[in-house]
Amino acid sequence: MRKLDPATMPLEELWQLYERLAKVLTDKITVKKRELQGRLAKLDRVEIVREAGSNLPPSLSLTNRVPRRKYPKVLPKYCNPLDPSQKWSGRGKRPKWVITALEAGQRLDDLKIKPAKKGDRKERPRGGRA
């Protein structure tokens, strides 16, 4: 393929080249636009299904997976000594107060919630017969 030098080409050849390039570019842009519109339509269908949630019959669902089972609530194991209202179960990402305490030289065992002694519990009235 010869190298084109637009500065030395006659006007008619330049114009023909321009028209060919414009047609090729138009065709490629049209194809790309259709492809992107198809992808967008698929994403819109996914969003509609997500919004509808479980209202759709299983035949229309995106996946045939069984829903995840419910896990029981995990009780906290660690407590912030500076702010006892901040607790952590030991699962997931460590809270900032745990990271700060560990950097300060404390151990994770130092932050554990101490089990209540039998005599420390307050008596609560029981709902029973009077």
N, C-alpha and C. Protein backbone atom coordinates (compact mmCIF):
# COMPACT_ATOMS: atom_id res chain seq x y z
N MET A 1 0.86 -1.18 0.00
CA MET A 1 0.00 0.00 0.00
C MET A 1 0.89 1.23 0.00
N ARG A 2 0.56 2.12 -0.89
CA ARG A 2 1.39 3.33 -0.98
C ARG A 2 1.00 4.31 0.11
N LYS A 3 1.95 5.11 0.50
CA LYS A 3 1.73 6.11 1.54
C LYS A 3 1.10 7.35 0.90
N LEU A 4 -0.02 7.79 1.48
CA LEU A 4 -0.72 8.95 0.93
C LEU A 4 -0.17 10.23 1.53
N ASP A 5 0.10 11.19 0.67
CA ASP A 5 0.53 12.51 1.13
C ASP A 5 -0.52 13.51 0.70
N PRO A 6 -1.39 13.92 1.61
CA PRO A 6 -2.50 14.81 1.23
C PRO A 6 -2.04 16.16 0.66
N ALA A 7 -0.87 16.59 1.03
CA ALA A 7 -0.39 17.89 0.54
C ALA A 7 -0.10 17.85 -0.96
N THR A 8 0.27 16.71 -1.50
CA THR A 8 0.62 16.63 -2.92
C THR A 8 -0.51 16.07 -3.77
N MET A 9 -1.62 15.63 -3.16
CA MET A 9 -2.72 15.04 -3.91
C MET A 9 -3.57 16.12 -4.56
N PRO A 10 -4.11 15.82 -5.76
CA PRO A 10 -5.01 16.77 -6.40
C PRO A 10 -6.33 16.86 -5.61
N LEU A 11 -7.04 17.92 -5.79
CA LEU A 11 -8.26 18.21 -5.05
C LEU A 11 -9.32 17.13 -5.26
N GLU A 12 -9.48 16.65 -6.49
CA GLU A 12 -10.48 15.62 -6.78
C GLU A 12 -10.19 14.33 -6.01
N GLU A 13 -8.94 13.92 -5.99
CA GLU A 13 -8.58 12.70 -5.24
C GLU A 13 -8.81 12.87 -3.75
N LEU A 14 -8.45 14.05 -3.24
CA LEU A 14 -8.68 14.33 -1.81
C LEU A 14 -10.17 14.24 -1.48
N TRP A 15 -10.99 14.81 -2.37
CA TRP A 15 -12.42 14.81 -2.12
C TRP A 15 -12.98 13.38 -2.14
N GLN A 16 -12.54 12.57 -3.08
CA GLN A 16 -12.98 11.18 -3.14
C GLN A 16 -12.53 10.41 -1.89
N LEU A 17 -11.31 10.66 -1.46
CA LEU A 17 -10.80 10.02 -0.24
C LEU A 17 -11.64 10.43 0.97
N TYR A 18 -11.98 11.71 1.03
CA TYR A 18 -12.79 12.23 2.13
C TYR A 18 -14.16 11.53 2.15
N GLU A 19 -14.79 11.41 0.99
CA GLU A 19 -16.11 10.78 0.92
C GLU A 19 -16.04 9.30 1.31
N ARG A 20 -15.00 8.59 0.87
CA ARG A 20 -14.85 7.19 1.25
C ARG A 20 -14.64 7.05 2.76
N LEU A 21 -13.77 7.92 3.32
CA LEU A 21 -13.53 7.88 4.77
C LEU A 21 -14.80 8.19 5.55
N ALA A 22 -15.55 9.18 5.09
CA ALA A 22 -16.80 9.56 5.78
C ALA A 22 -17.78 8.39 5.77
N LYS A 23 -17.88 7.68 4.64
CA LYS A 23 -18.79 6.54 4.56
C LYS A 23 -18.34 5.41 5.48
N VAL A 24 -17.05 5.10 5.46
CA VAL A 24 -16.53 4.03 6.32
C VAL A 24 -16.74 4.38 7.79
N LEU A 25 -16.44 5.62 8.15
CA LEU A 25 -16.62 6.04 9.54
C LEU A 25 -18.09 5.99 9.95
N THR A 26 -18.97 6.44 9.08
CA THR A 26 -20.40 6.40 9.38
C THR A 26 -20.88 4.97 9.61
N ASP A 27 -20.44 4.06 8.74
CA ASP A 27 -20.83 2.66 8.89
C ASP A 27 -20.31 2.07 10.21
N LYS A 28 -19.06 2.35 10.52
CA LYS A 28 -18.47 1.80 11.76
C LYS A 28 -19.15 2.39 12.99
N ILE A 29 -19.44 3.68 12.96
CA ILE A 29 -20.11 4.31 14.10
C ILE A 29 -21.51 3.74 14.27
N THR A 30 -22.22 3.49 13.16
CA THR A 30 -23.56 2.92 13.24
C THR A 30 -23.52 1.52 13.85
N VAL A 31 -22.57 0.70 13.41
CA VAL A 31 -22.44 -0.65 13.96
C VAL A 31 -22.14 -0.60 15.46
N LYS A 32 -21.22 0.25 15.85
CA LYS A 32 -20.84 0.38 17.26
C LYS A 32 -22.03 0.87 18.10
N LYS A 33 -22.79 1.82 17.54
CA LYS A 33 -23.94 2.36 18.25
C LYS A 33 -24.98 1.27 18.49
N ARG A 34 -25.25 0.43 17.46
CA ARG A 34 -26.21 -0.67 17.63
C ARG A 34 -25.73 -1.65 18.69
N GLU A 35 -24.43 -1.93 18.66
CA GLU A 35 -23.87 -2.86 19.64
C GLU A 35 -24.04 -2.32 21.05
N LEU A 36 -23.76 -1.04 21.24
CA LEU A 36 -23.89 -0.43 22.57
C LEU A 36 -25.35 -0.34 23.01
N GLN A 37 -26.25 -0.07 22.06
CA GLN A 37 -27.67 -0.03 22.41
C GLN A 37 -28.17 -1.41 22.83
N GLY A 38 -27.66 -2.45 22.18
CA GLY A 38 -28.02 -3.81 22.58
C GLY A 38 -27.54 -4.13 23.98
N ARG A 39 -26.30 -3.74 24.29
CA ARG A 39 -25.77 -3.98 25.63
C ARG A 39 -26.57 -3.20 26.67
N LEU A 40 -26.94 -1.95 26.34
CA LEU A 40 -27.72 -1.13 27.26
C LEU A 40 -29.10 -1.75 27.49
N ALA A 41 -29.70 -2.28 26.45
CA ALA A 41 -31.02 -2.92 26.60
C ALA A 41 -30.92 -4.13 27.53
N LYS A 42 -29.83 -4.91 27.41
CA LYS A 42 -29.64 -6.05 28.31
C LYS A 42 -29.50 -5.58 29.75
N LEU A 43 -28.73 -4.51 29.96
CA LEU A 43 -28.56 -4.00 31.32
C LEU A 43 -29.88 -3.49 31.88
N ASP A 44 -30.69 -2.85 31.05
CA ASP A 44 -31.99 -2.36 31.51
C ASP A 44 -32.88 -3.53 31.92
N ARG A 45 -32.84 -4.63 31.17
CA ARG A 45 -33.63 -5.79 31.54
C ARG A 45 -33.17 -6.35 32.87
N VAL A 46 -31.88 -6.36 33.11
CA VAL A 46 -31.35 -6.86 34.37
C VAL A 46 -31.84 -5.98 35.51
N GLU A 47 -31.82 -4.66 35.31
CA GLU A 47 -32.28 -3.74 36.36
C GLU A 47 -33.77 -3.93 36.64
N ILE A 48 -34.55 -4.13 35.59
CA ILE A 48 -35.99 -4.33 35.78
C ILE A 48 -36.24 -5.59 36.59
N VAL A 49 -35.50 -6.63 36.29
CA VAL A 49 -35.67 -7.89 37.03
C VAL A 49 -35.25 -7.70 38.48
N ARG A 50 -34.15 -6.97 38.70
CA ARG A 50 -33.70 -6.73 40.09
C ARG A 50 -34.73 -5.94 40.86
N GLU A 51 -35.32 -4.91 40.22
CA GLU A 51 -36.32 -4.09 40.91
C GLU A 51 -37.56 -4.92 41.23
N ALA A 52 -37.94 -5.79 40.32
CA ALA A 52 -39.12 -6.61 40.54
C ALA A 52 -38.89 -7.63 41.64
N GLY A 53 -37.63 -8.04 41.78
CA GLY A 53 -37.26 -8.97 42.85
C GLY A 53 -37.94 -10.31 42.73
N SER A 54 -38.55 -10.74 43.80
CA SER A 54 -39.12 -12.08 43.83
C SER A 54 -40.54 -12.10 43.28
N ASN A 55 -41.04 -10.98 42.74
CA ASN A 55 -42.40 -10.96 42.19
C ASN A 55 -42.49 -11.73 40.88
N LEU A 56 -41.35 -11.98 40.24
CA LEU A 56 -41.36 -12.67 38.97
C LEU A 56 -41.40 -14.18 39.18
N PRO A 57 -42.01 -14.89 38.25
CA PRO A 57 -41.97 -16.35 38.35
C PRO A 57 -40.56 -16.85 38.14
N PRO A 58 -40.22 -18.03 38.67
CA PRO A 58 -38.86 -18.54 38.56
C PRO A 58 -38.37 -18.68 37.12
N SER A 59 -39.29 -18.86 36.17
CA SER A 59 -38.86 -19.03 34.78
C SER A 59 -38.26 -17.75 34.22
N LEU A 60 -38.60 -16.60 34.79
CA LEU A 60 -38.07 -15.32 34.31
C LEU A 60 -36.89 -14.82 35.14
N SER A 61 -36.52 -15.53 36.16
CA SER A 61 -35.43 -15.07 37.01
C SER A 61 -34.10 -15.17 36.29
N LEU A 62 -33.15 -14.34 36.71
CA LEU A 62 -31.83 -14.31 36.07
C LEU A 62 -31.04 -15.58 36.36
N THR A 63 -31.19 -16.08 37.55
CA THR A 63 -30.47 -17.30 37.92
C THR A 63 -31.45 -18.25 38.58
N ASN A 64 -31.11 -19.49 38.56
CA ASN A 64 -31.96 -20.49 39.20
C ASN A 64 -31.38 -20.91 40.54
N ARG A 65 -30.63 -20.01 41.14
CA ARG A 65 -30.00 -20.32 42.41
C ARG A 65 -31.02 -20.32 43.54
N VAL A 66 -30.74 -21.13 44.53
CA VAL A 66 -31.55 -21.14 45.74
C VAL A 66 -31.14 -19.93 46.56
N PRO A 67 -32.09 -19.20 47.15
CA PRO A 67 -31.71 -18.04 47.96
C PRO A 67 -30.86 -18.45 49.16
N ARG A 68 -29.97 -17.55 49.57
CA ARG A 68 -29.08 -17.83 50.69
C ARG A 68 -29.88 -18.02 51.96
N ARG A 69 -29.37 -18.89 52.80
CA ARG A 69 -30.07 -19.11 54.07
C ARG A 69 -29.76 -17.97 55.02
N LYS A 70 -30.65 -17.75 55.95
CA LYS A 70 -30.46 -16.70 56.95
C LYS A 70 -29.49 -17.20 58.00
N TYR A 71 -28.53 -16.39 58.34
CA TYR A 71 -27.58 -16.75 59.38
C TYR A 71 -28.01 -16.09 60.69
N PRO A 72 -27.76 -16.75 61.79
CA PRO A 72 -28.16 -16.16 63.07
C PRO A 72 -27.30 -14.95 63.39
N LYS A 73 -27.84 -14.06 64.18
CA LYS A 73 -27.10 -12.88 64.58
C LYS A 73 -25.92 -13.31 65.45
N VAL A 74 -24.76 -12.72 65.18
CA VAL A 74 -23.55 -13.07 65.92
C VAL A 74 -23.38 -12.07 67.06
N LEU A 75 -23.17 -12.59 68.25
CA LEU A 75 -22.99 -11.72 69.41
C LEU A 75 -21.59 -11.11 69.38
N PRO A 76 -21.45 -9.90 69.91
CA PRO A 76 -20.13 -9.27 69.91
C PRO A 76 -19.17 -9.98 70.85
N LYS A 77 -17.89 -10.00 70.46
CA LYS A 77 -16.85 -10.63 71.28
C LYS A 77 -15.87 -9.61 71.83
N TYR A 78 -15.80 -8.45 71.19
CA TYR A 78 -14.82 -7.43 71.56
C TYR A 78 -15.53 -6.11 71.83
N CYS A 79 -14.96 -5.35 72.76
CA CYS A 79 -15.56 -4.09 73.17
C CYS A 79 -14.47 -3.02 73.25
N ASN A 80 -14.78 -1.82 72.83
CA ASN A 80 -13.85 -0.70 72.92
C ASN A 80 -13.77 -0.26 74.38
N PRO A 81 -12.58 -0.34 75.00
CA PRO A 81 -12.49 0.05 76.42
C PRO A 81 -12.74 1.54 76.65
N LEU A 82 -12.52 2.36 75.64
CA LEU A 82 -12.74 3.79 75.78
C LEU A 82 -14.20 4.18 75.56
N ASP A 83 -14.91 3.38 74.80
CA ASP A 83 -16.33 3.63 74.53
C ASP A 83 -17.04 2.28 74.49
N PRO A 84 -17.55 1.82 75.63
CA PRO A 84 -18.14 0.49 75.72
C PRO A 84 -19.33 0.25 74.78
N SER A 85 -19.90 1.32 74.22
CA SER A 85 -21.02 1.11 73.30
C SER A 85 -20.55 0.57 71.94
N GLN A 86 -19.25 0.67 71.67
CA GLN A 86 -18.71 0.16 70.42
C GLN A 86 -18.28 -1.28 70.61
N LYS A 87 -18.93 -2.15 69.85
CA LYS A 87 -18.64 -3.57 69.97
C LYS A 87 -18.36 -4.13 68.58
N TRP A 88 -17.68 -5.30 68.56
CA TRP A 88 -17.33 -5.96 67.30
C TRP A 88 -17.43 -7.46 67.50
N SER A 89 -17.99 -8.16 66.55
CA SER A 89 -18.19 -9.61 66.67
C SER A 89 -16.94 -10.40 66.33
N GLY A 90 -15.95 -9.77 65.74
CA GLY A 90 -14.75 -10.48 65.34
C GLY A 90 -14.82 -10.94 63.90
N ARG A 91 -15.92 -10.65 63.22
CA ARG A 91 -16.08 -11.01 61.82
C ARG A 91 -16.02 -9.76 60.96
N GLY A 92 -15.58 -9.96 59.74
CA GLY A 92 -15.55 -8.83 58.80
C GLY A 92 -14.35 -7.93 59.05
N LYS A 93 -14.44 -6.74 58.47
CA LYS A 93 -13.35 -5.78 58.56
C LYS A 93 -13.22 -5.26 59.99
N ARG A 94 -12.01 -5.09 60.43
CA ARG A 94 -11.78 -4.59 61.79
C ARG A 94 -12.18 -3.11 61.87
N PRO A 95 -12.89 -2.74 62.94
CA PRO A 95 -13.24 -1.33 63.12
C PRO A 95 -11.99 -0.50 63.44
N LYS A 96 -12.11 0.79 63.23
CA LYS A 96 -10.97 1.68 63.45
C LYS A 96 -10.48 1.63 64.89
N TRP A 97 -11.41 1.51 65.85
CA TRP A 97 -10.97 1.50 67.25
C TRP A 97 -10.15 0.25 67.56
N VAL A 98 -10.42 -0.87 66.89
CA VAL A 98 -9.63 -2.09 67.09
C VAL A 98 -8.23 -1.88 66.51
N ILE A 99 -8.18 -1.33 65.31
CA ILE A 99 -6.89 -1.08 64.66
C ILE A 99 -6.05 -0.13 65.51
N THR A 100 -6.67 0.93 66.02
CA THR A 100 -5.96 1.91 66.85
C THR A 100 -5.44 1.25 68.12
N ALA A 101 -6.28 0.42 68.75
CA ALA A 101 -5.86 -0.24 69.99
C ALA A 101 -4.70 -1.21 69.73
N LEU A 102 -4.74 -1.94 68.63
CA LEU A 102 -3.66 -2.87 68.30
C LEU A 102 -2.37 -2.13 67.99
N GLU A 103 -2.48 -0.99 67.31
CA GLU A 103 -1.29 -0.19 67.03
C GLU A 103 -0.71 0.41 68.30
N ALA A 104 -1.57 0.64 69.30
CA ALA A 104 -1.12 1.22 70.57
C ALA A 104 -0.45 0.17 71.46
N GLY A 105 -0.45 -1.08 71.03
CA GLY A 105 0.24 -2.12 71.79
C GLY A 105 -0.68 -3.09 72.51
N GLN A 106 -1.98 -2.87 72.44
CA GLN A 106 -2.90 -3.80 73.09
C GLN A 106 -3.03 -5.06 72.23
N ARG A 107 -3.43 -6.12 72.88
CA ARG A 107 -3.69 -7.36 72.15
C ARG A 107 -5.19 -7.51 71.97
N LEU A 108 -5.56 -8.35 71.03
CA LEU A 108 -6.98 -8.58 70.77
C LEU A 108 -7.65 -9.19 71.99
N ASP A 109 -6.91 -9.99 72.75
CA ASP A 109 -7.46 -10.59 73.97
C ASP A 109 -7.80 -9.53 75.01
N ASP A 110 -7.07 -8.40 74.99
CA ASP A 110 -7.34 -7.33 75.95
C ASP A 110 -8.69 -6.67 75.67
N LEU A 111 -9.17 -6.77 74.45
CA LEU A 111 -10.42 -6.12 74.07
C LEU A 111 -11.63 -7.04 74.20
N LYS A 112 -11.39 -8.31 74.56
CA LYS A 112 -12.49 -9.26 74.66
C LYS A 112 -13.48 -8.84 75.74
N ILE A 113 -14.73 -9.12 75.48
CA ILE A 113 -15.78 -8.84 76.46
C ILE A 113 -15.70 -9.93 77.52
N LYS A 114 -15.63 -9.50 78.75
CA LYS A 114 -15.53 -10.44 79.86
C LYS A 114 -16.90 -11.05 80.12
N PRO A 115 -16.96 -12.35 80.32
CA PRO A 115 -18.27 -12.96 80.61
C PRO A 115 -18.77 -12.49 81.98
N ALA A 116 -20.06 -12.28 82.06
CA ALA A 116 -20.65 -11.80 83.31
C ALA A 116 -20.62 -12.90 84.36
N LYS A 117 -20.25 -12.51 85.58
CA LYS A 117 -20.26 -13.47 86.68
C LYS A 117 -21.70 -13.69 87.13
N LYS A 118 -21.92 -14.79 87.80
CA LYS A 118 -23.28 -15.14 88.18
C LYS A 118 -23.89 -14.11 89.13
N GLY A 119 -23.14 -13.55 90.02
CA GLY A 119 -23.65 -12.58 90.98
C GLY A 119 -23.80 -11.17 90.40
N ASP A 120 -23.19 -10.90 89.23
CA ASP A 120 -23.24 -9.56 88.65
C ASP A 120 -24.55 -9.27 87.94
N ARG A 121 -25.31 -10.30 87.62
CA ARG A 121 -26.54 -10.09 86.86
C ARG A 121 -27.60 -9.46 87.74
N LYS A 122 -28.32 -8.54 87.16
CA LYS A 122 -29.43 -7.92 87.87
C LYS A 122 -30.64 -8.83 87.75
N GLU A 123 -31.40 -8.87 88.82
CA GLU A 123 -32.61 -9.69 88.79
C GLU A 123 -33.67 -8.97 87.96
N ARG A 124 -34.21 -9.72 87.02
CA ARG A 124 -35.27 -9.17 86.21
C ARG A 124 -36.56 -9.88 86.61
N PRO A 125 -37.64 -9.13 86.63
CA PRO A 125 -38.91 -9.79 86.96
C PRO A 125 -39.29 -10.75 85.85
N ARG A 126 -39.73 -11.89 86.25
CA ARG A 126 -40.14 -12.90 85.27
C ARG A 126 -41.62 -12.80 85.05
N GLY A 127 -41.97 -12.97 83.78
CA GLY A 127 -43.39 -12.93 83.45
C GLY A 127 -44.03 -14.26 83.74
N GLY A 128 -44.66 -14.37 84.80
CA GLY A 128 -45.29 -15.64 85.18
C GLY A 128 -46.52 -15.38 86.02
N ARG A 129 -46.86 -16.37 86.79
CA ARG A 129 -48.02 -16.22 87.66
C ARG A 129 -47.65 -15.40 88.88
N ALA A 130 -48.55 -14.61 89.33
CA ALA A 130 -48.31 -13.75 90.45
C ALA A 130 -48.54 -14.40 91.77
